[in-house]
């Protein structure tokens, strides 16, 4: 998402077996409100938006695998100096 002001629905698609993705695919800001985060960034309310989005698949992920993935993500974000995250459950 580095260099993007918002998410273009032509470039992003949500694929999920557990909920209707039509609205999200029309407006990806429902899942990742990048436009809002960029506004907060430009207003000085937050530092900077991390250049990468970290995401997982949820269908069929075991608890052990999910825990491992989460720990790896947290370690990566911490090493990059990220102070806060927006956690969006779908």
PDB file of N, CA and C in Angstrom:
ATOM      1  N   UNK A   1       0.813  -1.199   0.000  1.00  0.00           N
ATOM      2  CA  UNK A   1       0.000   0.000   0.000  1.00  0.00           C
ATOM      3  C   UNK A   1       0.853   1.259   0.000  1.00  0.00           C
ATOM      4  N   UNK A   2       2.181   1.054  -0.012  1.00  0.00           N
ATOM      5  CA  UNK A   2       3.087   2.188  -0.033  1.00  0.00           C
ATOM      6  C   UNK A   2       2.801   3.052  -1.259  1.00  0.00           C
ATOM      7  N   UNK A   3       2.619   4.332  -1.050  1.00  0.00           N
ATOM      8  CA  UNK A   3       2.367   5.257  -2.143  1.00  0.00           C
ATOM      9  C   UNK A   3       0.918   5.335  -2.589  1.00  0.00           C
ATOM     10  N   UNK A   4       0.045   4.548  -2.009  1.00  0.00           N
ATOM     11  CA  UNK A   4      -1.369   4.593  -2.375  1.00  0.00           C
ATOM     12  C   UNK A   4      -2.138   5.436  -1.370  1.00  0.00           C
ATOM     13  N   UNK A   5      -3.035   6.275  -1.881  1.00  0.00           N
ATOM     14  CA  UNK A   5      -3.861   7.107  -1.020  1.00  0.00           C
ATOM     15  C   UNK A   5      -5.100   6.396  -0.536  1.00  0.00           C
ATOM     16  N   UNK A   6      -5.571   5.471  -1.325  1.00  0.00           N
ATOM     17  CA  UNK A   6      -6.736   4.663  -0.972  1.00  0.00           C
ATOM     18  C   UNK A   6      -6.665   3.378  -1.798  1.00  0.00           C
ATOM     19  N   UNK A   7      -7.590   2.489  -1.555  1.00  0.00           N
ATOM     20  CA  UNK A   7      -7.608   1.223  -2.289  1.00  0.00           C
ATOM     21  C   UNK A   7      -8.587   1.300  -3.441  1.00  0.00           C
ATOM     22  N   UNK A   8      -8.110   0.979  -4.610  1.00  0.00           N
ATOM     23  CA  UNK A   8      -8.930   0.978  -5.813  1.00  0.00           C
ATOM     24  C   UNK A   8      -9.579  -0.400  -5.953  1.00  0.00           C
ATOM     25  N   UNK A   9     -10.899  -0.473  -6.039  1.00  0.00           N
ATOM     26  CA  UNK A   9     -11.561  -1.774  -6.145  1.00  0.00           C
ATOM     27  C   UNK A   9     -11.150  -2.572  -7.385  1.00  0.00           C
ATOM     28  N   UNK A  10     -10.600  -1.902  -8.384  1.00  0.00           N
ATOM     29  CA  UNK A  10     -10.115  -2.622  -9.565  1.00  0.00           C
ATOM     30  C   UNK A  10      -8.828  -3.400  -9.268  1.00  0.00           C
ATOM     31  N   UNK A  11      -8.146  -3.032  -8.173  1.00  0.00           N
ATOM     32  CA  UNK A  11      -6.869  -3.658  -7.830  1.00  0.00           C
ATOM     33  C   UNK A  11      -6.948  -4.597  -6.633  1.00  0.00           C
ATOM     34  N   UNK A  12      -8.073  -4.609  -5.927  1.00  0.00           N
ATOM     35  CA  UNK A  12      -8.216  -5.400  -4.700  1.00  0.00           C
ATOM     36  C   UNK A  12      -9.468  -6.254  -4.774  1.00  0.00           C
ATOM     37  N   UNK A  13      -9.374  -7.452  -4.223  1.00  0.00           N
ATOM     38  CA  UNK A  13     -10.534  -8.332  -4.177  1.00  0.00           C
ATOM     39  C   UNK A  13     -10.511  -9.138  -2.880  1.00  0.00           C
ATOM     40  N   UNK A  14     -11.630  -9.194  -2.212  1.00  0.00           N
ATOM     41  CA  UNK A  14     -11.778 -10.028  -1.030  1.00  0.00           C
ATOM     42  C   UNK A  14     -12.396 -11.354  -1.452  1.00  0.00           C
ATOM     43  N   UNK A  15     -11.770 -12.421  -1.024  1.00  0.00           N
ATOM     44  CA  UNK A  15     -12.294 -13.765  -1.268  1.00  0.00           C
ATOM     45  C   UNK A  15     -12.484 -14.388   0.106  1.00  0.00           C
ATOM     46  N   UNK A  16     -13.724 -14.699   0.447  1.00  0.00           N
ATOM     47  CA  UNK A  16     -14.009 -15.207   1.789  1.00  0.00           C
ATOM     48  C   UNK A  16     -15.201 -16.144   1.715  1.00  0.00           C
ATOM     49  N   UNK A  17     -15.095 -17.261   2.365  1.00  0.00           N
ATOM     50  CA  UNK A  17     -16.186 -18.236   2.348  1.00  0.00           C
ATOM     51  C   UNK A  17     -17.218 -17.975   3.437  1.00  0.00           C
ATOM     52  N   UNK A  18     -16.909 -17.068   4.376  1.00  0.00           N
ATOM     53  CA  UNK A  18     -17.777 -16.885   5.522  1.00  0.00           C
ATOM     54  C   UNK A  18     -18.700 -15.683   5.496  1.00  0.00           C
ATOM     55  N   UNK A  19     -18.536 -14.796   4.530  1.00  0.00           N
ATOM     56  CA  UNK A  19     -19.436 -13.648   4.448  1.00  0.00           C
ATOM     57  C   UNK A  19     -19.520 -13.143   3.015  1.00  0.00           C
ATOM     58  N   UNK A  20     -20.540 -12.369   2.752  1.00  0.00           N
ATOM     59  CA  UNK A  20     -20.769 -11.779   1.435  1.00  0.00           C
ATOM     60  C   UNK A  20     -19.730 -10.691   1.178  1.00  0.00           C
ATOM     61  N   UNK A  21     -18.960 -10.825   0.123  1.00  0.00           N
ATOM     62  CA  UNK A  21     -17.865  -9.893  -0.152  1.00  0.00           C
ATOM     63  C   UNK A  21     -18.202  -8.828  -1.195  1.00  0.00           C
ATOM     64  N   UNK A  22     -19.415  -8.813  -1.702  1.00  0.00           N
ATOM     65  CA  UNK A  22     -19.767  -7.867  -2.753  1.00  0.00           C
ATOM     66  C   UNK A  22     -19.529  -6.418  -2.373  1.00  0.00           C
ATOM     67  N   UNK A  23     -19.947  -6.029  -1.179  1.00  0.00           N
ATOM     68  CA  UNK A  23     -19.777  -4.640  -0.733  1.00  0.00           C
ATOM     69  C   UNK A  23     -18.304  -4.312  -0.545  1.00  0.00           C
ATOM     70  N   UNK A  24     -17.578  -5.242   0.044  1.00  0.00           N
ATOM     71  CA  UNK A  24     -16.147  -5.042   0.268  1.00  0.00           C
ATOM     72  C   UNK A  24     -15.406  -4.918  -1.062  1.00  0.00           C
ATOM     73  N   UNK A  25     -15.808  -5.698  -2.037  1.00  0.00           N
ATOM     74  CA  UNK A  25     -15.142  -5.632  -3.333  1.00  0.00           C
ATOM     75  C   UNK A  25     -15.490  -4.354  -4.095  1.00  0.00           C
ATOM     76  N   UNK A  26     -16.613  -3.732  -3.782  1.00  0.00           N
ATOM     77  CA  UNK A  26     -16.949  -2.428  -4.363  1.00  0.00           C
ATOM     78  C   UNK A  26     -16.197  -1.311  -3.663  1.00  0.00           C
ATOM     79  N   UNK A  27     -15.970  -1.469  -2.352  1.00  0.00           N
ATOM     80  CA  UNK A  27     -15.286  -0.453  -1.554  1.00  0.00           C
ATOM     81  C   UNK A  27     -14.370  -1.140  -0.538  1.00  0.00           C
ATOM     82  N   UNK A  28     -13.101  -1.381  -0.907  1.00  0.00           N
ATOM     83  CA  UNK A  28     -12.177  -2.071  -0.010  1.00  0.00           C
ATOM     84  C   UNK A  28     -11.933  -1.346   1.313  1.00  0.00           C
ATOM     85  N   UNK A  29     -12.312  -0.059   1.418  1.00  0.00           N
ATOM     86  CA  UNK A  29     -12.146   0.670   2.676  1.00  0.00           C
ATOM     87  C   UNK A  29     -12.943   0.055   3.826  1.00  0.00           C
ATOM     88  N   UNK A  30     -13.947  -0.761   3.515  1.00  0.00           N
ATOM     89  CA  UNK A  30     -14.681  -1.441   4.586  1.00  0.00           C
ATOM     90  C   UNK A  30     -13.787  -2.412   5.346  1.00  0.00           C
ATOM     91  N   UNK A  31     -12.811  -2.965   4.671  1.00  0.00           N
ATOM     92  CA  UNK A  31     -11.872  -3.893   5.300  1.00  0.00           C
ATOM     93  C   UNK A  31     -10.600  -3.180   5.725  1.00  0.00           C
ATOM     94  N   UNK A  32     -10.087  -2.341   4.850  1.00  0.00           N
ATOM     95  CA  UNK A  32      -8.846  -1.620   5.121  1.00  0.00           C
ATOM     96  C   UNK A  32      -9.061  -0.143   4.811  1.00  0.00           C
ATOM     97  N   UNK A  33      -9.375   0.661   5.820  1.00  0.00           N
ATOM     98  CA  UNK A  33      -9.697   2.079   5.588  1.00  0.00           C
ATOM     99  C   UNK A  33      -8.453   2.929   5.318  1.00  0.00           C
ATOM    100  N   UNK A  34      -7.780   2.630   4.224  1.00  0.00           N
ATOM    101  CA  UNK A  34      -6.527   3.309   3.904  1.00  0.00           C
ATOM    102  C   UNK A  34      -6.726   4.809   3.701  1.00  0.00           C
ATOM    103  N   UNK A  35      -7.798   5.202   3.042  1.00  0.00           N
ATOM    104  CA  UNK A  35      -8.046   6.634   2.846  1.00  0.00           C
ATOM    105  C   UNK A  35      -8.130   7.389   4.160  1.00  0.00           C
ATOM    106  N   UNK A  36      -8.830   6.814   5.118  1.00  0.00           N
ATOM    107  CA  UNK A  36      -8.939   7.425   6.457  1.00  0.00           C
ATOM    108  C   UNK A  36      -7.585   7.465   7.143  1.00  0.00           C
ATOM    109  N   UNK A  37      -6.825   6.376   7.030  1.00  0.00           N
ATOM    110  CA  UNK A  37      -5.509   6.337   7.664  1.00  0.00           C
ATOM    111  C   UNK A  37      -4.573   7.376   7.035  1.00  0.00           C
ATOM    112  N   UNK A  38      -4.669   7.551   5.734  1.00  0.00           N
ATOM    113  CA  UNK A  38      -3.842   8.570   5.065  1.00  0.00           C
ATOM    114  C   UNK A  38      -4.224   9.979   5.526  1.00  0.00           C
ATOM    115  N   UNK A  39      -5.519  10.204   5.754  1.00  0.00           N
ATOM    116  CA  UNK A  39      -5.955  11.516   6.266  1.00  0.00           C
ATOM    117  C   UNK A  39      -5.380  11.752   7.655  1.00  0.00           C
ATOM    118  N   UNK A  40      -5.432  10.744   8.503  1.00  0.00           N
ATOM    119  CA  UNK A  40      -4.864  10.871   9.852  1.00  0.00           C
ATOM    120  C   UNK A  40      -3.357  11.112   9.785  1.00  0.00           C
ATOM    121  N   UNK A  41      -2.724  10.442   8.846  1.00  0.00           N
ATOM    122  CA  UNK A  41      -1.283  10.605   8.645  1.00  0.00           C
ATOM    123  C   UNK A  41      -0.958  12.037   8.203  1.00  0.00           C
ATOM    124  N   UNK A  42      -1.685  12.543   7.219  1.00  0.00           N
ATOM    125  CA  UNK A  42      -1.395  13.890   6.702  1.00  0.00           C
ATOM    126  C   UNK A  42      -1.746  14.986   7.704  1.00  0.00           C
ATOM    127  N   UNK A  43      -2.725  14.713   8.587  1.00  0.00           N
ATOM    128  CA  UNK A  43      -3.094  15.677   9.621  1.00  0.00           C
ATOM    129  C   UNK A  43      -2.174  15.628  10.829  1.00  0.00           C
ATOM    130  N   UNK A  44      -1.245  14.684  10.844  1.00  0.00           N
ATOM    131  CA  UNK A  44      -0.317  14.563  11.966  1.00  0.00           C
ATOM    132  C   UNK A  44      -0.900  13.846  13.168  1.00  0.00           C
ATOM    133  N   UNK A  45      -2.062  13.237  13.007  1.00  0.00           N
ATOM    134  CA  UNK A  45      -2.697  12.518  14.117  1.00  0.00           C
ATOM    135  C   UNK A  45      -1.980  11.200  14.406  1.00  0.00           C
ATOM    136  N   UNK A  46      -1.395  10.615  13.385  1.00  0.00           N
ATOM    137  CA  UNK A  46      -0.582   9.408  13.531  1.00  0.00           C
ATOM    138  C   UNK A  46       0.737   9.651  12.816  1.00  0.00           C
ATOM    139  N   UNK A  47       1.725   8.812  13.106  1.00  0.00           N
ATOM    140  CA  UNK A  47       3.029   8.957  12.458  1.00  0.00           C
ATOM    141  C   UNK A  47       2.944   8.656  10.979  1.00  0.00           C
ATOM    142  N   UNK A  48       3.197   7.406  10.614  1.00  0.00           N
ATOM    143  CA  UNK A  48       3.104   7.028   9.209  1.00  0.00           C
ATOM    144  C   UNK A  48       2.423   5.672   9.097  1.00  0.00           C
ATOM    145  N   UNK A  49       1.818   5.442   7.971  1.00  0.00           N
ATOM    146  CA  UNK A  49       1.176   4.163   7.693  1.00  0.00           C
ATOM    147  C   UNK A  49       2.251   3.206   7.196  1.00  0.00           C
ATOM    148  N   UNK A  50       2.287   2.020   7.774  1.00  0.00           N
ATOM    149  CA  UNK A  50       3.258   1.004   7.366  1.00  0.00           C
ATOM    150  C   UNK A  50       3.064   0.688   5.877  1.00  0.00           C
ATOM    151  N   UNK A  51       4.133   0.473   5.139  1.00  0.00           N
ATOM    152  CA  UNK A  51       3.990   0.279   3.698  1.00  0.00           C
ATOM    153  C   UNK A  51       3.397  -1.075   3.281  1.00  0.00           C
ATOM    154  N   UNK A  52       3.232  -1.983   4.194  1.00  0.00           N
ATOM    155  CA  UNK A  52       2.714  -3.314   3.870  1.00  0.00           C
ATOM    156  C   UNK A  52       1.464  -3.633   4.667  1.00  0.00           C
ATOM    157  N   UNK A  53       0.580  -4.402   4.078  1.00  0.00           N
ATOM    158  CA  UNK A  53      -0.586  -4.948   4.763  1.00  0.00           C
ATOM    159  C   UNK A  53      -0.273  -6.398   5.101  1.00  0.00           C
ATOM    160  N   UNK A  54      -0.513  -6.784   6.326  1.00  0.00           N
ATOM    161  CA  UNK A  54      -0.341  -8.173   6.724  1.00  0.00           C
ATOM    162  C   UNK A  54      -1.724  -8.781   6.885  1.00  0.00           C
ATOM    163  N   UNK A  55      -1.939  -9.915   6.260  1.00  0.00           N
ATOM    164  CA  UNK A  55      -3.252 -10.543   6.297  1.00  0.00           C
ATOM    165  C   UNK A  55      -3.094 -12.059   6.302  1.00  0.00           C
ATOM    166  N   UNK A  56      -4.130 -12.737   6.704  1.00  0.00           N
ATOM    167  CA  UNK A  56      -4.112 -14.200   6.717  1.00  0.00           C
ATOM    168  C   UNK A  56      -5.372 -14.723   6.048  1.00  0.00           C
ATOM    169  N   UNK A  57      -5.349 -15.984   5.769  1.00  0.00           N
ATOM    170  CA  UNK A  57      -6.577 -16.663   5.399  1.00  0.00           C
ATOM    171  C   UNK A  57      -7.125 -17.273   6.672  1.00  0.00           C
ATOM    172  N   UNK A  58      -8.400 -17.342   6.799  1.00  0.00           N
ATOM    173  CA  UNK A  58      -8.978 -17.854   8.029  1.00  0.00           C
ATOM    174  C   UNK A  58      -9.668 -19.190   7.874  1.00  0.00           C
ATOM    175  N   UNK A  59     -10.096 -19.501   6.688  1.00  0.00           N
ATOM    176  CA  UNK A  59     -10.847 -20.728   6.470  1.00  0.00           C
ATOM    177  C   UNK A  59      -9.916 -21.925   6.621  1.00  0.00           C
ATOM    178  N   UNK A  60     -10.197 -22.758   7.587  1.00  0.00           N
ATOM    179  CA  UNK A  60      -9.426 -23.973   7.780  1.00  0.00           C
ATOM    180  C   UNK A  60      -8.112 -23.790   8.512  1.00  0.00           C
ATOM    181  N   UNK A  61      -7.804 -22.593   8.974  1.00  0.00           N
ATOM    182  CA  UNK A  61      -6.565 -22.377   9.709  1.00  0.00           C
ATOM    183  C   UNK A  61      -6.721 -22.948  11.116  1.00  0.00           C
ATOM    184  N   UNK A  62      -5.801 -23.816  11.504  1.00  0.00           N
ATOM    185  CA  UNK A  62      -5.850 -24.387  12.845  1.00  0.00           C
ATOM    186  C   UNK A  62      -5.459 -23.331  13.870  1.00  0.00           C
ATOM    187  N   UNK A  63      -5.832 -23.548  15.099  1.00  0.00           N
ATOM    188  CA  UNK A  63      -5.474 -22.624  16.173  1.00  0.00           C
ATOM    189  C   UNK A  63      -3.960 -22.501  16.290  1.00  0.00           C
ATOM    190  N   UNK A  64      -3.260 -23.612  16.219  1.00  0.00           N
ATOM    191  CA  UNK A  64      -1.794 -23.591  16.329  1.00  0.00           C
ATOM    192  C   UNK A  64      -1.171 -22.797  15.187  1.00  0.00           C
ATOM    193  N   UNK A  65      -1.661 -23.007  13.970  1.00  0.00           N
ATOM    194  CA  UNK A  65      -1.121 -22.265  12.824  1.00  0.00           C
ATOM    195  C   UNK A  65      -1.434 -20.780  12.950  1.00  0.00           C
ATOM    196  N   UNK A  66      -2.659 -20.457  13.370  1.00  0.00           N
ATOM    197  CA  UNK A  66      -3.031 -19.061  13.546  1.00  0.00           C
ATOM    198  C   UNK A  66      -2.174 -18.369  14.592  1.00  0.00           C
ATOM    199  N   UNK A  67      -1.900 -19.072  15.675  1.00  0.00           N
ATOM    200  CA  UNK A  67      -1.051 -18.517  16.736  1.00  0.00           C
ATOM    201  C   UNK A  67       0.360 -18.268  16.209  1.00  0.00           C
ATOM    202  N   UNK A  68       0.892 -19.207  15.460  1.00  0.00           N
ATOM    203  CA  UNK A  68       2.230 -19.063  14.890  1.00  0.00           C
ATOM    204  C   UNK A  68       2.285 -17.895  13.905  1.00  0.00           C
ATOM    205  N   UNK A  69       1.286 -17.802  13.040  1.00  0.00           N
ATOM    206  CA  UNK A  69       1.227 -16.706  12.070  1.00  0.00           C
ATOM    207  C   UNK A  69       1.156 -15.362  12.798  1.00  0.00           C
ATOM    208  N   UNK A  70       0.319 -15.278  13.819  1.00  0.00           N
ATOM    209  CA  UNK A  70       0.189 -14.046  14.593  1.00  0.00           C
ATOM    210  C   UNK A  70       1.485 -13.648  15.271  1.00  0.00           C
ATOM    211  N   UNK A  71       2.198 -14.623  15.818  1.00  0.00           N
ATOM    212  CA  UNK A  71       3.476 -14.331  16.465  1.00  0.00           C
ATOM    213  C   UNK A  71       4.511 -13.839  15.451  1.00  0.00           C
ATOM    214  N   UNK A  72       4.518 -14.439  14.269  1.00  0.00           N
ATOM    215  CA  UNK A  72       5.439 -13.995  13.218  1.00  0.00           C
ATOM    216  C   UNK A  72       5.117 -12.572  12.770  1.00  0.00           C
ATOM    217  N   UNK A  73       3.827 -12.285  12.623  1.00  0.00           N
ATOM    218  CA  UNK A  73       3.422 -10.931  12.234  1.00  0.00           C
ATOM    219  C   UNK A  73       3.828  -9.914  13.299  1.00  0.00           C
ATOM    220  N   UNK A  74       3.560 -10.240  14.556  1.00  0.00           N
ATOM    221  CA  UNK A  74       3.895  -9.328  15.648  1.00  0.00           C
ATOM    222  C   UNK A  74       5.398  -9.079  15.703  1.00  0.00           C
ATOM    223  N   UNK A  75       6.173 -10.116  15.502  1.00  0.00           N
ATOM    224  CA  UNK A  75       7.631  -9.981  15.514  1.00  0.00           C
ATOM    225  C   UNK A  75       8.106  -9.078  14.374  1.00  0.00           C
ATOM    226  N   UNK A  76       7.539  -9.279  13.194  1.00  0.00           N
ATOM    227  CA  UNK A  76       7.915  -8.447  12.046  1.00  0.00           C
ATOM    228  C   UNK A  76       7.550  -6.987  12.276  1.00  0.00           C
ATOM    229  N   UNK A  77       6.334  -6.739  12.756  1.00  0.00           N
ATOM    230  CA  UNK A  77       5.900  -5.369  12.993  1.00  0.00           C
ATOM    231  C   UNK A  77       6.751  -4.703  14.069  1.00  0.00           C
ATOM    232  N   UNK A  78       7.067  -5.444  15.118  1.00  0.00           N
ATOM    233  CA  UNK A  78       7.896  -4.897  16.189  1.00  0.00           C
ATOM    234  C   UNK A  78       9.281  -4.541  15.659  1.00  0.00           C
ATOM    235  N   UNK A  79       9.871  -5.416  14.846  1.00  0.00           N
ATOM    236  CA  UNK A  79      11.207  -5.142  14.299  1.00  0.00           C
ATOM    237  C   UNK A  79      11.194  -3.958  13.346  1.00  0.00           C
ATOM    238  N   UNK A  80      10.032  -3.651  12.751  1.00  0.00           N
ATOM    239  CA  UNK A  80       9.889  -2.508  11.848  1.00  0.00           C
ATOM    240  C   UNK A  80       9.559  -1.219  12.603  1.00  0.00           C
ATOM    241  N   UNK A  81       9.398  -1.311  13.924  1.00  0.00           N
ATOM    242  CA  UNK A  81       9.118  -0.123  14.724  1.00  0.00           C
ATOM    243  C   UNK A  81       7.665   0.314  14.710  1.00  0.00           C
ATOM    244  N   UNK A  82       6.756  -0.585  14.353  1.00  0.00           N
ATOM    245  CA  UNK A  82       5.331  -0.263  14.336  1.00  0.00           C
ATOM    246  C   UNK A  82       4.828  -0.194  15.777  1.00  0.00           C
ATOM    247  N   UNK A  83       4.183   0.914  16.137  1.00  0.00           N
ATOM    248  CA  UNK A  83       3.682   1.129  17.496  1.00  0.00           C
ATOM    249  C   UNK A  83       2.229   0.740  17.692  1.00  0.00           C
ATOM    250  N   UNK A  84       1.448   0.690  16.633  1.00  0.00           N
ATOM    251  CA  UNK A  84       0.032   0.393  16.760  1.00  0.00           C
ATOM    252  C   UNK A  84      -0.460  -0.268  15.466  1.00  0.00           C
ATOM    253  N   UNK A  85      -1.519  -1.043  15.596  1.00  0.00           N
ATOM    254  CA  UNK A  85      -2.082  -1.733  14.440  1.00  0.00           C
ATOM    255  C   UNK A  85      -3.595  -1.573  14.432  1.00  0.00           C
ATOM    256  N   UNK A  86      -4.143  -1.687  13.250  1.00  0.00           N
ATOM    257  CA  UNK A  86      -5.592  -1.717  13.071  1.00  0.00           C
ATOM    258  C   UNK A  86      -5.937  -3.161  12.782  1.00  0.00           C
ATOM    259  N   UNK A  87      -6.590  -3.809  13.724  1.00  0.00           N
ATOM    260  CA  UNK A  87      -6.963  -5.193  13.570  1.00  0.00           C
ATOM    261  C   UNK A  87      -8.415  -5.255  13.114  1.00  0.00           C
ATOM    262  N   UNK A  88      -8.624  -5.820  11.950  1.00  0.00           N
ATOM    263  CA  UNK A  88      -9.968  -5.893  11.377  1.00  0.00           C
ATOM    264  C   UNK A  88     -10.351  -7.343  11.226  1.00  0.00           C
ATOM    265  N   UNK A  89     -11.403  -7.743  11.927  1.00  0.00           N
ATOM    266  CA  UNK A  89     -11.906  -9.104  11.802  1.00  0.00           C
ATOM    267  C   UNK A  89     -13.061  -9.087  10.827  1.00  0.00           C
ATOM    268  N   UNK A  90     -13.042 -10.012   9.912  1.00  0.00           N
ATOM    269  CA  UNK A  90     -14.122 -10.077   8.943  1.00  0.00           C
ATOM    270  C   UNK A  90     -14.929 -11.327   9.127  1.00  0.00           C
TER     271      UNK A  90
END
